[in-house]
Amino acid sequence: MSSRRNFTFFVSTVVASMALLSGCIIVDGSTNNNTGGGGGAGAQGGSGGEAQGGSGGTGGAIGVGGGGGAGGGANCVGPNDGILDVKSCDAMNITPASAGGTAKLCMSGGAEYNPPGFDYCTGKVFTVFQSGAADVLQKCLAKIPGDAVKSCDVQLVSDCVSEANYAACPTQKAGDHCDAIAKGCQAANPPQAFDAQACQINLNPLLDTTVDAIFTCFNTEAPANLNCQEAHDYCYSAKVLAIP
């Protein structure tokens, strides 16, 4: 497997797949790596135009399989379209009693823990995603039933991340960064594959600060033995999908 030591370039983007929660893996349906199929990115059209999604890939280990990528169409959500904040996380079906809710706690290895969707809402949704996508994501998480089975199903959290990804309008920053990474990977010796289409789907809903954090991770935190694609999978997982 090729290492990133064969080339150096400094650009910001991501195409990724996994996050860890007590040993579980979240596989985002819009991604493309060794664990899940990747959806195609939507085209970046003019105002009001619709973007055509790509074909989906095969299923991942734990979580949703690769879904067809949907570009932001006429009804996409942008960075200023949200009205909710983190307080909305306390009014969901999966909100535990410690936060005023009625959801059952989850159990693993004899230890109890909050429903993963609740912790993701309070710890990531409103600090990682643009406001429009954050609203979509929170509303999706709020629909997860609060019983002891579904409230603990990390797959349902993954599905909500995918919904937010597909709802977000394409952004210039996402497109520029993903294209630059793809060119850098191709210029490596030997050339390395990178899915720029899935990358843009994943980056579209993110805050600029989140994209910058992924950029920093790629250059300074990702293990040096990872190839281009793997390094971005690693960083996207750490900065976006990992549940606090």
Protein backbone atom coordinates (compact mmCIF):
# COMPACT_ATOMS: atom_id res chain seq x y z
CA MET A 1 0.00 0.00 0.00
CA SER A 2 1.40 3.35 -0.98
CA SER A 3 2.33 5.81 1.70
CA ARG A 4 1.75 9.56 1.69
CA ARG A 5 5.49 9.95 2.27
CA ASN A 6 5.84 9.84 -1.50
CA PHE A 7 4.42 13.32 -1.93
CA THR A 8 3.59 16.51 -0.09
CA PHE A 9 0.80 18.94 -0.76
CA PHE A 10 -1.23 21.15 1.51
CA VAL A 11 -4.91 21.45 0.70
CA SER A 12 -8.09 20.96 2.68
CA THR A 13 -10.82 18.41 1.96
CA VAL A 14 -12.22 15.02 2.93
CA VAL A 15 -13.83 11.85 1.77
CA ALA A 16 -14.47 9.55 4.65
CA SER A 17 -16.31 6.77 6.28
CA MET A 18 -15.85 5.73 9.85
CA ALA A 19 -16.21 6.94 13.41
CA LEU A 20 -15.77 5.00 16.60
CA LEU A 21 -18.24 4.77 19.45
CA SER A 22 -17.36 2.21 22.12
CA GLY A 23 -15.94 -0.04 19.45
CA CYS A 24 -18.75 0.56 16.96
CA ILE A 25 -18.22 1.90 13.48
CA ILE A 26 -20.45 4.52 11.91
CA VAL A 27 -20.37 4.33 8.15
CA ASP A 28 -21.74 7.38 6.41
CA GLY A 29 -23.70 6.43 3.30
CA SER A 30 -22.16 9.11 1.13
CA THR A 31 -18.61 7.93 1.58
CA ASN A 32 -16.25 5.72 -0.30
CA ASN A 33 -13.49 3.68 1.29
CA ASN A 34 -12.61 0.12 2.18
CA THR A 35 -15.62 -0.23 4.48
CA GLY A 36 -18.43 1.33 2.52
CA GLY A 37 -19.45 2.41 -0.94
CA GLY A 38 -19.41 6.03 -2.00
CA GLY A 39 -22.13 8.08 -3.54
CA GLY A 40 -21.46 10.35 -6.44
CA ALA A 41 -21.35 14.06 -5.85
CA GLY A 42 -24.01 16.34 -7.20
CA ALA A 43 -23.15 18.78 -9.91
CA GLN A 44 -22.73 22.38 -8.91
CA GLY A 45 -25.30 24.18 -10.98
CA GLY A 46 -26.69 27.68 -11.14
CA SER A 47 -29.25 29.09 -8.78
CA GLY A 48 -32.31 26.94 -8.56
CA GLY A 49 -30.79 24.17 -10.65
CA GLU A 50 -30.83 20.57 -9.57
CA ALA A 51 -27.75 18.41 -9.23
CA GLN A 52 -27.71 14.80 -10.33
CA GLY A 53 -26.45 12.24 -7.83
CA GLY A 54 -24.04 9.44 -8.57
CA SER A 55 -24.49 5.72 -8.16
CA GLY A 56 -24.19 4.09 -4.76
CA GLY A 57 -21.62 1.57 -3.56
CA THR A 58 -21.70 -1.57 -1.46
CA GLY A 59 -22.52 -1.78 2.21
CA GLY A 60 -20.01 -1.20 4.99
CA ALA A 61 -19.21 -3.19 8.12
CA ILE A 62 -21.56 -1.59 10.63
CA GLY A 63 -23.73 1.17 9.29
CA VAL A 64 -25.37 2.21 6.10
CA GLY A 65 -24.03 1.17 2.71
CA GLY A 66 -22.98 3.56 -0.01
CA GLY A 67 -25.85 5.74 -1.12
CA GLY A 68 -26.35 7.63 -4.35
CA GLY A 69 -24.99 11.13 -3.97
CA ALA A 70 -27.41 13.97 -4.22
CA GLY A 71 -26.28 17.45 -5.10
CA GLY A 72 -27.98 20.46 -3.59
CA GLY A 73 -30.98 21.19 -5.74
CA ALA A 74 -33.51 23.99 -5.67
CA ASN A 75 -34.51 23.05 -2.11
CA CYS A 76 -31.04 22.62 -0.66
CA VAL A 77 -30.09 24.18 2.68
CA GLY A 78 -27.33 26.73 3.05
CA PRO A 79 -25.13 28.08 5.84
CA ASN A 80 -27.71 30.65 6.99
CA ASP A 81 -30.89 28.57 6.75
CA GLY A 82 -30.95 27.14 10.26
CA ILE A 83 -32.95 28.38 13.25
CA LEU A 84 -32.19 25.72 15.88
CA ASP A 85 -29.39 25.55 18.44
CA VAL A 86 -27.96 22.99 20.83
CA LYS A 87 -30.87 23.48 23.24
CA SER A 88 -33.06 21.62 20.75
CA CYS A 89 -31.12 18.46 21.59
CA ASP A 90 -32.88 18.41 24.98
CA ALA A 91 -36.30 17.96 23.35
CA MET A 92 -35.81 14.76 21.34
CA ASN A 93 -37.17 11.24 21.74
CA ILE A 94 -33.59 10.12 22.45
CA THR A 95 -32.94 12.73 25.16
CA PRO A 96 -32.04 10.91 28.40
CA ALA A 97 -33.43 11.71 31.85
CA SER A 98 -30.23 13.53 32.79
CA ALA A 99 -31.19 16.19 30.22
CA GLY A 100 -34.90 16.21 30.97
CA GLY A 101 -35.95 13.48 28.52
CA THR A 102 -37.36 9.99 28.79
CA ALA A 103 -35.09 7.90 26.54
CA LYS A 104 -33.67 4.65 27.85
CA LEU A 105 -29.93 4.53 28.42
CA CYS A 106 -27.82 2.17 26.36
CA MET A 107 -25.72 -0.64 27.79
CA SER A 108 -22.33 -2.00 26.76
CA GLY A 109 -20.06 -4.25 28.79
CA GLY A 110 -22.16 -3.66 31.88
CA ALA A 111 -21.84 0.14 31.60
CA GLU A 112 -24.65 2.55 30.74
CA TYR A 113 -24.23 5.41 28.30
CA ASN A 114 -26.41 8.01 26.60
CA PRO A 115 -28.11 7.29 23.28
CA PRO A 116 -25.44 7.99 20.64
CA GLY A 117 -27.69 10.36 18.70
CA PHE A 118 -28.12 12.55 21.76
CA ASP A 119 -24.38 12.82 22.41
CA TYR A 120 -23.78 13.51 18.72
CA CYS A 121 -26.39 16.27 18.77
CA THR A 122 -24.98 18.00 21.84
CA GLY A 123 -21.33 17.46 20.95
CA LYS A 124 -21.07 17.81 17.18
CA VAL A 125 -24.17 18.91 15.27
CA PHE A 126 -24.04 22.64 16.02
CA THR A 127 -20.26 22.97 16.15
CA VAL A 128 -19.33 20.96 13.05
CA PHE A 129 -22.16 21.57 10.56
CA GLN A 130 -23.48 24.75 8.92
CA SER A 131 -26.75 25.94 10.41
CA GLY A 132 -29.02 24.72 7.61
CA ALA A 133 -27.52 21.23 7.62
CA ALA A 134 -27.49 21.22 11.43
CA ASP A 135 -31.25 21.77 11.46
CA VAL A 136 -31.78 18.89 9.04
CA LEU A 137 -29.55 16.66 11.14
CA GLN A 138 -31.16 17.56 14.48
CA LYS A 139 -34.68 17.03 13.11
CA CYS A 140 -33.65 13.63 11.82
CA LEU A 141 -32.11 12.64 15.15
CA ALA A 142 -35.23 13.86 16.94
CA LYS A 143 -37.31 11.27 15.07
CA ILE A 144 -35.30 8.32 16.38
CA PRO A 145 -37.50 6.43 18.88
CA GLY A 146 -36.43 6.58 22.52
CA ASP A 147 -36.77 2.87 23.28
CA ALA A 148 -33.76 0.87 24.43
CA VAL A 149 -33.20 -0.68 21.00
CA LYS A 150 -33.55 2.09 18.44
CA SER A 151 -32.19 4.89 20.62
CA CYS A 152 -28.95 2.89 20.87
CA ASP A 153 -28.73 2.07 17.16
CA VAL A 154 -25.69 3.94 15.81
CA GLN A 155 -26.84 3.11 12.27
CA LEU A 156 -29.75 5.52 12.66
CA VAL A 157 -27.29 8.29 13.55
CA SER A 158 -25.32 7.46 10.42
CA ASP A 159 -28.48 7.71 8.33
CA CYS A 160 -29.12 11.20 9.70
CA VAL A 161 -25.60 12.35 8.79
CA SER A 162 -26.22 11.12 5.26
CA GLU A 163 -29.53 13.01 5.12
CA ALA A 164 -27.78 16.23 6.12
CA ASN A 165 -25.03 15.67 3.55
CA TYR A 166 -27.53 15.21 0.74
CA ALA A 167 -29.61 18.22 1.82
CA ALA A 168 -26.74 20.72 1.83
CA CYS A 169 -26.15 23.09 -1.05
CA PRO A 170 -22.84 22.61 -2.90
CA THR A 171 -20.17 25.00 -1.69
CA GLN A 172 -17.28 26.49 -3.60
CA LYS A 173 -14.88 25.73 -0.77
CA ALA A 174 -15.81 22.05 -0.79
CA GLY A 175 -15.39 21.81 -4.54
CA ASP A 176 -12.07 23.63 -4.59
CA HIS A 177 -10.56 21.57 -1.80
CA CYS A 178 -11.75 18.24 -3.17
CA ASP A 179 -10.47 19.01 -6.65
CA ALA A 180 -7.11 20.09 -5.27
CA ILE A 181 -6.73 16.91 -3.23
CA ALA A 182 -7.63 14.77 -6.22
CA LYS A 183 -4.97 16.50 -8.33
CA GLY A 184 -2.38 16.11 -5.58
CA CYS A 185 -3.13 12.41 -5.25
CA GLN A 186 -2.86 11.93 -8.99
CA ALA A 187 0.49 13.72 -8.99
CA ALA A 188 1.91 11.36 -6.35
CA ASN A 189 4.53 8.77 -7.28
CA PRO A 190 2.89 6.37 -7.81
CA PRO A 191 -0.49 8.08 -8.42
CA GLN A 192 -3.10 7.45 -5.74
CA ALA A 193 -6.86 7.25 -6.10
CA PHE A 194 -9.10 9.80 -4.43
CA ASP A 195 -12.88 10.14 -4.80
CA ALA A 196 -13.44 13.86 -5.25
CA GLN A 197 -17.15 13.38 -5.84
CA ALA A 198 -17.83 11.68 -2.51
CA CYS A 199 -15.49 14.21 -0.93
CA GLN A 200 -17.67 17.14 -1.93
CA ILE A 201 -20.83 15.46 -0.68
CA ASN A 202 -19.18 15.07 2.73
CA LEU A 203 -17.76 18.60 2.83
CA ASN A 204 -20.80 20.54 1.59
CA PRO A 205 -22.62 20.73 4.96
CA LEU A 206 -19.57 21.51 7.08
CA LEU A 207 -18.49 24.78 8.64
CA ASP A 208 -15.31 26.32 7.25
CA THR A 209 -13.66 25.73 10.62
CA THR A 210 -14.44 22.02 10.35
CA VAL A 211 -12.91 21.82 6.90
CA ASP A 212 -9.84 23.64 8.24
CA ALA A 213 -9.60 21.13 11.11
CA ILE A 214 -9.63 18.26 8.62
CA PHE A 215 -6.90 20.04 6.65
CA THR A 216 -4.74 20.35 9.76
CA CYS A 217 -5.36 16.72 10.65
CA PHE A 218 -4.33 15.54 7.19
CA ASN A 219 -1.05 17.40 7.35
CA THR A 220 -0.09 16.88 10.99
CA GLU A 221 -2.20 14.18 12.66
CA ALA A 222 -2.98 11.37 10.22
CA PRO A 223 -0.53 8.43 10.41
CA ALA A 224 2.16 8.86 7.76
CA ASN A 225 1.78 5.30 6.49
CA LEU A 226 -1.75 5.98 5.23
CA ASN A 227 -2.28 6.73 1.58
CA CYS A 228 -4.14 9.80 0.37
CA GLN A 229 -7.64 8.34 0.57
CA GLU A 230 -7.06 6.62 3.90
CA ALA A 231 -5.66 9.76 5.49
CA HIS A 232 -8.79 11.71 4.65
CA ASP A 233 -11.00 8.88 5.83
CA TYR A 234 -9.13 9.00 9.12
CA CYS A 235 -9.46 12.77 9.50
CA TYR A 236 -13.11 12.99 8.49
CA SER A 237 -13.91 10.25 10.97
CA ALA A 238 -12.06 12.04 13.76
CA LYS A 239 -13.38 15.54 13.12
CA VAL A 240 -16.94 14.84 11.93
CA LEU A 241 -18.23 11.34 12.60
CA ALA A 242 -16.69 10.49 15.97
CA ILE A 243 -19.36 10.66 18.67
CA PRO A 244 -18.15 12.50 21.79
